[in-house]
mmCIF file of all heavy atoms, coordinates in Angstrom:
data_MODEL
# 
_entry.id   MODEL 
# 
loop_
_atom_site.group_PDB 
_atom_site.id 
_atom_site.type_symbol 
_atom_site.label_atom_id 
_atom_site.label_alt_id 
_atom_site.label_comp_id 
_atom_site.label_asym_id 
_atom_site.label_entity_id 
_atom_site.label_seq_id 
_atom_site.pdbx_PDB_ins_code 
_atom_site.Cartn_x 
_atom_site.Cartn_y 
_atom_site.Cartn_z 
_atom_site.occupancy 
_atom_site.B_iso_or_equiv 
_atom_site.pdbx_formal_charge 
_atom_site.auth_seq_id 
_atom_site.auth_comp_id 
_atom_site.auth_asym_id 
_atom_site.auth_atom_id 
_atom_site.pdbx_PDB_model_num 
ATOM 1   N N   . VAL A 1 1  ? 0.783   4.027   -10.253 1.00 0.00 ? 1  VAL A N   1 
ATOM 2   C CA  . VAL A 1 1  ? 0.386   2.765   -10.895 1.00 0.00 ? 1  VAL A CA  1 
ATOM 3   C C   . VAL A 1 1  ? -0.853  3.021   -11.738 1.00 0.00 ? 1  VAL A C   1 
ATOM 4   O O   . VAL A 1 1  ? -1.869  3.486   -11.227 1.00 0.00 ? 1  VAL A O   1 
ATOM 5   C CB  . VAL A 1 1  ? 0.081   1.673   -9.845  1.00 0.00 ? 1  VAL A CB  1 
ATOM 6   C CG1 . VAL A 1 1  ? -0.499  0.429   -10.526 1.00 0.00 ? 1  VAL A CG1 1 
ATOM 7   C CG2 . VAL A 1 1  ? 1.336   1.308   -9.063  1.00 0.00 ? 1  VAL A CG2 1 
ATOM 8   N N   . PRO A 1 2  ? -0.799  2.746   -13.042 1.00 0.00 ? 2  PRO A N   1 
ATOM 9   C CA  . PRO A 1 2  ? -1.972  2.966   -13.891 1.00 0.00 ? 2  PRO A CA  1 
ATOM 10  C C   . PRO A 1 2  ? -3.037  1.915   -13.641 1.00 0.00 ? 2  PRO A C   1 
ATOM 11  O O   . PRO A 1 2  ? -2.725  0.776   -13.278 1.00 0.00 ? 2  PRO A O   1 
ATOM 12  C CB  . PRO A 1 2  ? -1.400  2.842   -15.307 1.00 0.00 ? 2  PRO A CB  1 
ATOM 13  C CG  . PRO A 1 2  ? -0.219  1.937   -15.153 1.00 0.00 ? 2  PRO A CG  1 
ATOM 14  C CD  . PRO A 1 2  ? 0.365   2.237   -13.799 1.00 0.00 ? 2  PRO A CD  1 
ATOM 15  N N   . ASN A 1 3  ? -4.285  2.295   -13.826 1.00 0.00 ? 3  ASN A N   1 
ATOM 16  C CA  . ASN A 1 3  ? -5.400  1.376   -13.624 1.00 0.00 ? 3  ASN A CA  1 
ATOM 17  C C   . ASN A 1 3  ? -6.380  1.552   -14.781 1.00 0.00 ? 3  ASN A C   1 
ATOM 18  O O   . ASN A 1 3  ? -6.764  2.681   -15.108 1.00 0.00 ? 3  ASN A O   1 
ATOM 19  C CB  . ASN A 1 3  ? -6.091  1.659   -12.288 1.00 0.00 ? 3  ASN A CB  1 
ATOM 20  C CG  . ASN A 1 3  ? -7.188  0.646   -11.980 1.00 0.00 ? 3  ASN A CG  1 
ATOM 21  O OD1 . ASN A 1 3  ? -6.990  -0.557  -12.098 1.00 0.00 ? 3  ASN A OD1 1 
ATOM 22  N ND2 . ASN A 1 3  ? -8.342  1.143   -11.584 1.00 0.00 ? 3  ASN A ND2 1 
ATOM 23  N N   . ALA A 1 4  ? -6.771  0.441   -15.387 1.00 0.00 ? 4  ALA A N   1 
ATOM 24  C CA  . ALA A 1 4  ? -7.634  0.495   -16.580 1.00 0.00 ? 4  ALA A CA  1 
ATOM 25  C C   . ALA A 1 4  ? -8.928  1.264   -16.343 1.00 0.00 ? 4  ALA A C   1 
ATOM 26  O O   . ALA A 1 4  ? -9.419  1.967   -17.224 1.00 0.00 ? 4  ALA A O   1 
ATOM 27  C CB  . ALA A 1 4  ? -7.945  -0.921  -17.055 1.00 0.00 ? 4  ALA A CB  1 
ATOM 28  N N   . GLY A 1 5  ? -9.459  1.164   -15.145 1.00 0.00 ? 5  GLY A N   1 
ATOM 29  C CA  . GLY A 1 5  ? -10.731 1.824   -14.859 1.00 0.00 ? 5  GLY A CA  1 
ATOM 30  C C   . GLY A 1 5  ? -10.571 3.181   -14.207 1.00 0.00 ? 5  GLY A C   1 
ATOM 31  O O   . GLY A 1 5  ? -11.502 3.715   -13.597 1.00 0.00 ? 5  GLY A O   1 
ATOM 32  N N   . GLY A 1 6  ? -9.381  3.768   -14.303 1.00 0.00 ? 6  GLY A N   1 
ATOM 33  C CA  . GLY A 1 6  ? -9.128  5.025   -13.619 1.00 0.00 ? 6  GLY A CA  1 
ATOM 34  C C   . GLY A 1 6  ? -8.477  4.770   -12.274 1.00 0.00 ? 6  GLY A C   1 
ATOM 35  O O   . GLY A 1 6  ? -8.196  3.632   -11.911 1.00 0.00 ? 6  GLY A O   1 
ATOM 36  N N   . ARG A 1 7  ? -8.238  5.816   -11.532 1.00 0.00 ? 7  ARG A N   1 
ATOM 37  C CA  . ARG A 1 7  ? -7.556  5.691   -10.237 1.00 0.00 ? 7  ARG A CA  1 
ATOM 38  C C   . ARG A 1 7  ? -8.305  4.728   -9.320  1.00 0.00 ? 7  ARG A C   1 
ATOM 39  O O   . ARG A 1 7  ? -9.514  4.837   -9.114  1.00 0.00 ? 7  ARG A O   1 
ATOM 40  C CB  . ARG A 1 7  ? -7.464  7.070   -9.590  1.00 0.00 ? 7  ARG A CB  1 
ATOM 41  C CG  . ARG A 1 7  ? -6.650  7.085   -8.293  1.00 0.00 ? 7  ARG A CG  1 
ATOM 42  C CD  . ARG A 1 7  ? -6.505  8.518   -7.793  1.00 0.00 ? 7  ARG A CD  1 
ATOM 43  N NE  . ARG A 1 7  ? -5.877  8.574   -6.490  1.00 0.00 ? 7  ARG A NE  1 
ATOM 44  C CZ  . ARG A 1 7  ? -4.566  8.491   -6.283  1.00 0.00 ? 7  ARG A CZ  1 
ATOM 45  N NH1 . ARG A 1 7  ? -3.752  8.359   -7.294  1.00 0.00 ? 7  ARG A NH1 1 
ATOM 46  N NH2 . ARG A 1 7  ? -4.061  8.547   -5.063  1.00 0.00 ? 7  ARG A NH2 1 
ATOM 47  N N   . ALA A 1 8  ? -7.564  3.755   -8.759  1.00 0.00 ? 8  ALA A N   1 
ATOM 48  C CA  . ALA A 1 8  ? -8.160  2.761   -7.869  1.00 0.00 ? 8  ALA A CA  1 
ATOM 49  C C   . ALA A 1 8  ? -8.405  3.365   -6.491  1.00 0.00 ? 8  ALA A C   1 
ATOM 50  O O   . ALA A 1 8  ? -7.649  4.224   -6.028  1.00 0.00 ? 8  ALA A O   1 
ATOM 51  C CB  . ALA A 1 8  ? -7.239  1.558   -7.744  1.00 0.00 ? 8  ALA A CB  1 
ATOM 52  N N   . ALA A 1 9  ? -9.469  2.894   -5.828  1.00 0.00 ? 9  ALA A N   1 
ATOM 53  C CA  . ALA A 1 9  ? -9.828  3.414   -4.504  1.00 0.00 ? 9  ALA A CA  1 
ATOM 54  C C   . ALA A 1 9  ? -8.694  3.231   -3.497  1.00 0.00 ? 9  ALA A C   1 
ATOM 55  O O   . ALA A 1 9  ? -8.450  4.096   -2.658  1.00 0.00 ? 9  ALA A O   1 
ATOM 56  C CB  . ALA A 1 9  ? -11.090 2.718   -4.005  1.00 0.00 ? 9  ALA A CB  1 
ATOM 57  N N   . CYS A 1 10 ? -7.977  2.113   -3.603  1.00 0.00 ? 10 CYS A N   1 
ATOM 58  C CA  . CYS A 1 10 ? -6.900  1.840   -2.639  1.00 0.00 ? 10 CYS A CA  1 
ATOM 59  C C   . CYS A 1 10 ? -5.749  2.833   -2.759  1.00 0.00 ? 10 CYS A C   1 
ATOM 60  O O   . CYS A 1 10 ? -4.960  2.996   -1.826  1.00 0.00 ? 10 CYS A O   1 
ATOM 61  C CB  . CYS A 1 10 ? -6.387  0.416   -2.806  1.00 0.00 ? 10 CYS A CB  1 
ATOM 62  S SG  . CYS A 1 10 ? -5.815  0.008   -4.458  1.00 0.00 ? 10 CYS A SG  1 
ATOM 63  N N   . GLN A 1 11 ? -5.666  3.531   -3.892  1.00 0.00 ? 11 GLN A N   1 
ATOM 64  C CA  . GLN A 1 11 ? -4.601  4.518   -4.069  1.00 0.00 ? 11 GLN A CA  1 
ATOM 65  C C   . GLN A 1 11 ? -4.862  5.788   -3.262  1.00 0.00 ? 11 GLN A C   1 
ATOM 66  O O   . GLN A 1 11 ? -3.998  6.664   -3.184  1.00 0.00 ? 11 GLN A O   1 
ATOM 67  C CB  . GLN A 1 11 ? -4.427  4.854   -5.551  1.00 0.00 ? 11 GLN A CB  1 
ATOM 68  C CG  . GLN A 1 11 ? -3.786  3.714   -6.346  1.00 0.00 ? 11 GLN A CG  1 
ATOM 69  C CD  . GLN A 1 11 ? -3.688  4.010   -7.831  1.00 0.00 ? 11 GLN A CD  1 
ATOM 70  O OE1 . GLN A 1 11 ? -4.697  4.174   -8.510  1.00 0.00 ? 11 GLN A OE1 1 
ATOM 71  N NE2 . GLN A 1 11 ? -2.471  4.079   -8.340  1.00 0.00 ? 11 GLN A NE2 1 
ATOM 72  N N   . ASN A 1 12 ? -6.044  5.880   -2.666  1.00 0.00 ? 12 ASN A N   1 
ATOM 73  C CA  . ASN A 1 12 ? -6.370  7.022   -1.810  1.00 0.00 ? 12 ASN A CA  1 
ATOM 74  C C   . ASN A 1 12 ? -6.315  6.663   -0.326  1.00 0.00 ? 12 ASN A C   1 
ATOM 75  O O   . ASN A 1 12 ? -6.645  7.483   0.521   1.00 0.00 ? 12 ASN A O   1 
ATOM 76  C CB  . ASN A 1 12 ? -7.773  7.549   -2.150  1.00 0.00 ? 12 ASN A CB  1 
ATOM 77  C CG  . ASN A 1 12 ? -7.852  8.068   -3.576  1.00 0.00 ? 12 ASN A CG  1 
ATOM 78  O OD1 . ASN A 1 12 ? -6.925  8.698   -4.067  1.00 0.00 ? 12 ASN A OD1 1 
ATOM 79  N ND2 . ASN A 1 12 ? -8.955  7.796   -4.254  1.00 0.00 ? 12 ASN A ND2 1 
ATOM 80  N N   . LYS A 1 13 ? -5.915  5.421   -0.025  1.00 0.00 ? 13 LYS A N   1 
ATOM 81  C CA  . LYS A 1 13 ? -5.930  4.948   1.366   1.00 0.00 ? 13 LYS A CA  1 
ATOM 82  C C   . LYS A 1 13 ? -4.499  4.843   1.898   1.00 0.00 ? 13 LYS A C   1 
ATOM 83  O O   . LYS A 1 13 ? -3.958  3.756   2.092   1.00 0.00 ? 13 LYS A O   1 
ATOM 84  C CB  . LYS A 1 13 ? -6.658  3.608   1.455   1.00 0.00 ? 13 LYS A CB  1 
ATOM 85  C CG  . LYS A 1 13 ? -8.130  3.710   1.059   1.00 0.00 ? 13 LYS A CG  1 
ATOM 86  C CD  . LYS A 1 13 ? -8.844  2.376   1.163   1.00 0.00 ? 13 LYS A CD  1 
ATOM 87  C CE  . LYS A 1 13 ? -10.318 2.507   0.800   1.00 0.00 ? 13 LYS A CE  1 
ATOM 88  N NZ  . LYS A 1 13 ? -11.034 1.208   0.866   1.00 0.00 ? 13 LYS A NZ  1 
ATOM 89  N N   . GLY A 1 14 ? -3.909  5.996   2.128   1.00 0.00 ? 14 GLY A N   1 
ATOM 90  C CA  . GLY A 1 14 ? -2.531  6.050   2.582   1.00 0.00 ? 14 GLY A CA  1 
ATOM 91  C C   . GLY A 1 14 ? -2.290  5.384   3.921   1.00 0.00 ? 14 GLY A C   1 
ATOM 92  O O   . GLY A 1 14 ? -1.271  4.715   4.114   1.00 0.00 ? 14 GLY A O   1 
ATOM 93  N N   . ALA A 1 15 ? -3.227  5.537   4.844   1.00 0.00 ? 15 ALA A N   1 
ATOM 94  C CA  . ALA A 1 15 ? -3.057  4.957   6.180   1.00 0.00 ? 15 ALA A CA  1 
ATOM 95  C C   . ALA A 1 15 ? -3.044  3.433   6.112   1.00 0.00 ? 15 ALA A C   1 
ATOM 96  O O   . ALA A 1 15 ? -2.212  2.782   6.759   1.00 0.00 ? 15 ALA A O   1 
ATOM 97  C CB  . ALA A 1 15 ? -4.181  5.433   7.105   1.00 0.00 ? 15 ALA A CB  1 
ATOM 98  N N   . THR A 1 16 ? -3.948  2.866   5.319   1.00 0.00 ? 16 THR A N   1 
ATOM 99  C CA  . THR A 1 16 ? -4.003  1.414   5.170   1.00 0.00 ? 16 THR A CA  1 
ATOM 100 C C   . THR A 1 16 ? -2.732  0.902   4.501   1.00 0.00 ? 16 THR A C   1 
ATOM 101 O O   . THR A 1 16 ? -2.154  -0.112  4.923   1.00 0.00 ? 16 THR A O   1 
ATOM 102 C CB  . THR A 1 16 ? -5.227  1.001   4.327   1.00 0.00 ? 16 THR A CB  1 
ATOM 103 O OG1 . THR A 1 16 ? -6.409  1.454   4.985   1.00 0.00 ? 16 THR A OG1 1 
ATOM 104 C CG2 . THR A 1 16 ? -5.292  -0.511  4.156   1.00 0.00 ? 16 THR A CG2 1 
ATOM 105 N N   . PHE A 1 17 ? -2.302  1.585   3.467   1.00 0.00 ? 17 PHE A N   1 
ATOM 106 C CA  . PHE A 1 17 ? -1.078  1.212   2.764   1.00 0.00 ? 17 PHE A CA  1 
ATOM 107 C C   . PHE A 1 17 ? 0.097   1.198   3.742   1.00 0.00 ? 17 PHE A C   1 
ATOM 108 O O   . PHE A 1 17 ? 0.898   0.253   3.755   1.00 0.00 ? 17 PHE A O   1 
ATOM 109 C CB  . PHE A 1 17 ? -0.810  2.211   1.626   1.00 0.00 ? 17 PHE A CB  1 
ATOM 110 C CG  . PHE A 1 17 ? 0.395   1.887   0.781   1.00 0.00 ? 17 PHE A CG  1 
ATOM 111 C CD1 . PHE A 1 17 ? 0.268   1.132   -0.370  1.00 0.00 ? 17 PHE A CD1 1 
ATOM 112 C CD2 . PHE A 1 17 ? 1.658   2.362   1.135   1.00 0.00 ? 17 PHE A CD2 1 
ATOM 113 C CE1 . PHE A 1 17 ? 1.381   0.841   -1.158  1.00 0.00 ? 17 PHE A CE1 1 
ATOM 114 C CE2 . PHE A 1 17 ? 2.769   2.074   0.358   1.00 0.00 ? 17 PHE A CE2 1 
ATOM 115 C CZ  . PHE A 1 17 ? 2.631   1.309   -0.794  1.00 0.00 ? 17 PHE A CZ  1 
ATOM 116 N N   . LYS A 1 18 ? 0.193   2.228   4.559   1.00 0.00 ? 18 LYS A N   1 
ATOM 117 C CA  . LYS A 1 18 ? 1.295   2.336   5.514   1.00 0.00 ? 18 LYS A CA  1 
ATOM 118 C C   . LYS A 1 18 ? 1.289   1.178   6.507   1.00 0.00 ? 18 LYS A C   1 
ATOM 119 O O   . LYS A 1 18 ? 2.334   0.591   6.796   1.00 0.00 ? 18 LYS A O   1 
ATOM 120 C CB  . LYS A 1 18 ? 1.212   3.663   6.270   1.00 0.00 ? 18 LYS A CB  1 
ATOM 121 C CG  . LYS A 1 18 ? 2.356   3.863   7.259   1.00 0.00 ? 18 LYS A CG  1 
ATOM 122 C CD  . LYS A 1 18 ? 2.252   5.217   7.964   1.00 0.00 ? 18 LYS A CD  1 
ATOM 123 C CE  . LYS A 1 18 ? 3.392   5.394   8.956   1.00 0.00 ? 18 LYS A CE  1 
ATOM 124 N NZ  . LYS A 1 18 ? 3.297   6.705   9.662   1.00 0.00 ? 18 LYS A NZ  1 
ATOM 125 N N   . VAL A 1 19 ? 0.106   0.824   7.022   1.00 0.00 ? 19 VAL A N   1 
ATOM 126 C CA  . VAL A 1 19 ? 0.008   -0.283  7.976   1.00 0.00 ? 19 VAL A CA  1 
ATOM 127 C C   . VAL A 1 19 ? 0.443   -1.593  7.336   1.00 0.00 ? 19 VAL A C   1 
ATOM 128 O O   . VAL A 1 19 ? 1.249   -2.352  7.895   1.00 0.00 ? 19 VAL A O   1 
ATOM 129 C CB  . VAL A 1 19 ? -1.434  -0.422  8.515   1.00 0.00 ? 19 VAL A CB  1 
ATOM 130 C CG1 . VAL A 1 19 ? -1.606  -1.752  9.260   1.00 0.00 ? 19 VAL A CG1 1 
ATOM 131 C CG2 . VAL A 1 19 ? -1.772  0.734   9.444   1.00 0.00 ? 19 VAL A CG2 1 
ATOM 132 N N   . MET A 1 20 ? -0.087  -1.875  6.143   1.00 0.00 ? 20 MET A N   1 
ATOM 133 C CA  . MET A 1 20 ? 0.197   -3.146  5.488   1.00 0.00 ? 20 MET A CA  1 
ATOM 134 C C   . MET A 1 20 ? 1.677   -3.294  5.124   1.00 0.00 ? 20 MET A C   1 
ATOM 135 O O   . MET A 1 20 ? 2.294   -4.333  5.360   1.00 0.00 ? 20 MET A O   1 
ATOM 136 C CB  . MET A 1 20 ? -0.658  -3.283  4.223   1.00 0.00 ? 20 MET A CB  1 
ATOM 137 C CG  . MET A 1 20 ? -2.147  -3.366  4.494   1.00 0.00 ? 20 MET A CG  1 
ATOM 138 S SD  . MET A 1 20 ? -2.558  -4.787  5.546   1.00 0.00 ? 20 MET A SD  1 
ATOM 139 C CE  . MET A 1 20 ? -3.803  -4.065  6.615   1.00 0.00 ? 20 MET A CE  1 
ATOM 140 N N   . ARG A 1 21 ? 2.238   -2.251  4.558   1.00 0.00 ? 21 ARG A N   1 
ATOM 141 C CA  . ARG A 1 21 ? 3.625   -2.341  4.121   1.00 0.00 ? 21 ARG A CA  1 
ATOM 142 C C   . ARG A 1 21 ? 4.596   -2.312  5.311   1.00 0.00 ? 21 ARG A C   1 
ATOM 143 O O   . ARG A 1 21 ? 5.588   -3.045  5.335   1.00 0.00 ? 21 ARG A O   1 
ATOM 144 C CB  . ARG A 1 21 ? 3.949   -1.201  3.147   1.00 0.00 ? 21 ARG A CB  1 
ATOM 145 C CG  . ARG A 1 21 ? 3.113   -1.225  1.877   1.00 0.00 ? 21 ARG A CG  1 
ATOM 146 C CD  . ARG A 1 21 ? 3.183   -2.548  1.155   1.00 0.00 ? 21 ARG A CD  1 
ATOM 147 N NE  . ARG A 1 21 ? 4.551   -2.843  0.717   1.00 0.00 ? 21 ARG A NE  1 
ATOM 148 C CZ  . ARG A 1 21 ? 4.923   -4.005  0.177   1.00 0.00 ? 21 ARG A CZ  1 
ATOM 149 N NH1 . ARG A 1 21 ? 4.054   -4.992  0.059   1.00 0.00 ? 21 ARG A NH1 1 
ATOM 150 N NH2 . ARG A 1 21 ? 6.173   -4.194  -0.212  1.00 0.00 ? 21 ARG A NH2 1 
ATOM 151 N N   . THR A 1 22 ? 4.319   -1.489  6.298   1.00 0.00 ? 22 THR A N   1 
ATOM 152 C CA  . THR A 1 22 ? 5.173   -1.440  7.484   1.00 0.00 ? 22 THR A CA  1 
ATOM 153 C C   . THR A 1 22 ? 5.164   -2.778  8.205   1.00 0.00 ? 22 THR A C   1 
ATOM 154 O O   . THR A 1 22 ? 6.205   -3.263  8.653   1.00 0.00 ? 22 THR A O   1 
ATOM 155 C CB  . THR A 1 22 ? 4.712   -0.321  8.444   1.00 0.00 ? 22 THR A CB  1 
ATOM 156 O OG1 . THR A 1 22 ? 4.778   0.935   7.767   1.00 0.00 ? 22 THR A OG1 1 
ATOM 157 C CG2 . THR A 1 22 ? 5.579   -0.268  9.696   1.00 0.00 ? 22 THR A CG2 1 
ATOM 158 N N   . SER A 1 23 ? 3.989   -3.386  8.295   1.00 0.00 ? 23 SER A N   1 
ATOM 159 C CA  . SER A 1 23 ? 3.863   -4.686  8.965   1.00 0.00 ? 23 SER A CA  1 
ATOM 160 C C   . SER A 1 23 ? 4.705   -5.739  8.260   1.00 0.00 ? 23 SER A C   1 
ATOM 161 O O   . SER A 1 23 ? 5.386   -6.541  8.896   1.00 0.00 ? 23 SER A O   1 
ATOM 162 C CB  . SER A 1 23 ? 2.395   -5.122  9.004   1.00 0.00 ? 23 SER A CB  1 
ATOM 163 O OG  . SER A 1 23 ? 1.627   -4.220  9.779   1.00 0.00 ? 23 SER A OG  1 
ATOM 164 N N   . GLN A 1 24 ? 4.677   -5.738  6.938   1.00 0.00 ? 24 GLN A N   1 
ATOM 165 C CA  . GLN A 1 24 ? 5.466   -6.713  6.182   1.00 0.00 ? 24 GLN A CA  1 
ATOM 166 C C   . GLN A 1 24 ? 6.957   -6.526  6.433   1.00 0.00 ? 24 GLN A C   1 
ATOM 167 O O   . GLN A 1 24 ? 7.690   -7.482  6.683   1.00 0.00 ? 24 GLN A O   1 
ATOM 168 C CB  . GLN A 1 24 ? 5.209   -6.589  4.686   1.00 0.00 ? 24 GLN A CB  1 
ATOM 169 C CG  . GLN A 1 24 ? 6.107   -7.514  3.860   1.00 0.00 ? 24 GLN A CG  1 
ATOM 170 C CD  . GLN A 1 24 ? 5.805   -7.508  2.382   1.00 0.00 ? 24 GLN A CD  1 
ATOM 171 O OE1 . GLN A 1 24 ? 4.659   -7.543  1.981   1.00 0.00 ? 24 GLN A OE1 1 
ATOM 172 N NE2 . GLN A 1 24 ? 6.837   -7.464  1.564   1.00 0.00 ? 24 GLN A NE2 1 
ATOM 173 N N   . LEU A 1 25 ? 7.405   -5.284  6.396   1.00 0.00 ? 25 LEU A N   1 
ATOM 174 C CA  . LEU A 1 25 ? 8.832   -5.011  6.536   1.00 0.00 ? 25 LEU A CA  1 
ATOM 175 C C   . LEU A 1 25 ? 9.347   -5.285  7.943   1.00 0.00 ? 25 LEU A C   1 
ATOM 176 O O   . LEU A 1 25 ? 10.541  -5.477  8.149   1.00 0.00 ? 25 LEU A O   1 
ATOM 177 C CB  . LEU A 1 25 ? 9.115   -3.560  6.144   1.00 0.00 ? 25 LEU A CB  1 
ATOM 178 C CG  . LEU A 1 25 ? 8.770   -3.187  4.686   1.00 0.00 ? 25 LEU A CG  1 
ATOM 179 C CD1 . LEU A 1 25 ? 9.011   -1.696  4.445   1.00 0.00 ? 25 LEU A CD1 1 
ATOM 180 C CD2 . LEU A 1 25 ? 9.580   -4.015  3.702   1.00 0.00 ? 25 LEU A CD2 1 
ATOM 181 N N   . THR A 1 26 ? 8.450   -5.339  8.913   1.00 0.00 ? 26 THR A N   1 
ATOM 182 C CA  . THR A 1 26 ? 8.828   -5.628  10.296  1.00 0.00 ? 26 THR A CA  1 
ATOM 183 C C   . THR A 1 26 ? 9.476   -7.004  10.422  1.00 0.00 ? 26 THR A C   1 
ATOM 184 O O   . THR A 1 26 ? 10.295  -7.235  11.319  1.00 0.00 ? 26 THR A O   1 
ATOM 185 C CB  . THR A 1 26 ? 7.589   -5.554  11.214  1.00 0.00 ? 26 THR A CB  1 
ATOM 186 O OG1 . THR A 1 26 ? 7.044   -4.238  11.143  1.00 0.00 ? 26 THR A OG1 1 
ATOM 187 C CG2 . THR A 1 26 ? 7.934   -5.861  12.660  1.00 0.00 ? 26 THR A CG2 1 
ATOM 188 N N   . ALA A 1 27 ? 9.131   -7.910  9.511   1.00 0.00 ? 27 ALA A N   1 
ATOM 189 C CA  . ALA A 1 27 ? 9.648   -9.280  9.581   1.00 0.00 ? 27 ALA A CA  1 
ATOM 190 C C   . ALA A 1 27 ? 10.998  -9.445  8.895   1.00 0.00 ? 27 ALA A C   1 
ATOM 191 O O   . ALA A 1 27 ? 11.554  -10.543 8.884   1.00 0.00 ? 27 ALA A O   1 
ATOM 192 C CB  . ALA A 1 27 ? 8.633   -10.242 8.946   1.00 0.00 ? 27 ALA A CB  1 
ATOM 193 N N   . TRP A 1 28 ? 11.511  -8.363  8.324   1.00 0.00 ? 28 TRP A N   1 
ATOM 194 C CA  . TRP A 1 28 ? 12.736  -8.449  7.530   1.00 0.00 ? 28 TRP A CA  1 
ATOM 195 C C   . TRP A 1 28 ? 13.983  -8.100  8.328   1.00 0.00 ? 28 TRP A C   1 
ATOM 196 O O   . TRP A 1 28 ? 13.951  -7.253  9.231   1.00 0.00 ? 28 TRP A O   1 
ATOM 197 C CB  . TRP A 1 28 ? 12.644  -7.502  6.338   1.00 0.00 ? 28 TRP A CB  1 
ATOM 198 C CG  . TRP A 1 28 ? 11.664  -7.910  5.281   1.00 0.00 ? 28 TRP A CG  1 
ATOM 199 C CD1 . TRP A 1 28 ? 10.686  -8.862  5.377   1.00 0.00 ? 28 TRP A CD1 1 
ATOM 200 C CD2 . TRP A 1 28 ? 11.560  -7.361  3.961   1.00 0.00 ? 28 TRP A CD2 1 
ATOM 201 N NE1 . TRP A 1 28 ? 9.992   -8.933  4.206   1.00 0.00 ? 28 TRP A NE1 1 
ATOM 202 C CE2 . TRP A 1 28 ? 10.496  -8.037  3.314   1.00 0.00 ? 28 TRP A CE2 1 
ATOM 203 C CE3 . TRP A 1 28 ? 12.264  -6.374  3.286   1.00 0.00 ? 28 TRP A CE3 1 
ATOM 204 C CZ2 . TRP A 1 28 ? 10.119  -7.750  2.008   1.00 0.00 ? 28 TRP A CZ2 1 
ATOM 205 C CZ3 . TRP A 1 28 ? 11.892  -6.082  1.978   1.00 0.00 ? 28 TRP A CZ3 1 
ATOM 206 C CH2 . TRP A 1 28 ? 10.835  -6.769  1.346   1.00 0.00 ? 28 TRP A CH2 1 
ATOM 207 N N   . SER A 1 29 ? 15.094  -8.718  7.946   1.00 0.00 ? 29 SER A N   1 
ATOM 208 C CA  . SER A 1 29 ? 16.392  -8.411  8.550   1.00 0.00 ? 29 SER A CA  1 
ATOM 209 C C   . SER A 1 29 ? 16.895  -7.063  8.030   1.00 0.00 ? 29 SER A C   1 
ATOM 210 O O   . SER A 1 29 ? 16.429  -6.564  6.995   1.00 0.00 ? 29 SER A O   1 
ATOM 211 C CB  . SER A 1 29 ? 17.409  -9.499  8.179   1.00 0.00 ? 29 SER A CB  1 
ATOM 212 O OG  . SER A 1 29 ? 17.679  -9.466  6.777   1.00 0.00 ? 29 SER A OG  1 
ATOM 213 N N   . GLU A 1 30 ? 17.858  -6.507  8.723   1.00 0.00 ? 30 GLU A N   1 
ATOM 214 C CA  . GLU A 1 30 ? 18.433  -5.227  8.311   1.00 0.00 ? 30 GLU A CA  1 
ATOM 215 C C   . GLU A 1 30 ? 19.081  -5.300  6.920   1.00 0.00 ? 30 GLU A C   1 
ATOM 216 O O   . GLU A 1 30 ? 18.841  -4.425  6.083   1.00 0.00 ? 30 GLU A O   1 
ATOM 217 C CB  . GLU A 1 30 ? 19.434  -4.736  9.358   1.00 0.00 ? 30 GLU A CB  1 
ATOM 218 C CG  . GLU A 1 30 ? 19.973  -3.354  9.073   1.00 0.00 ? 30 GLU A CG  1 
ATOM 219 C CD  . GLU A 1 30 ? 20.763  -2.786  10.242  1.00 0.00 ? 30 GLU A CD  1 
ATOM 220 O OE1 . GLU A 1 30 ? 20.495  -3.179  11.391  1.00 0.00 ? 30 GLU A OE1 1 
ATOM 221 O OE2 . GLU A 1 30 ? 21.657  -1.953  9.991   1.00 0.00 ? 30 GLU A OE2 1 
# 
């Protein structure tokens, strides 16, 4: 994902990304 100010700090936080996205998908049907 491009960012006007250069690479965003959140793009280096793989563990946080994994928690947030996994948590969201937990609520979804198969």
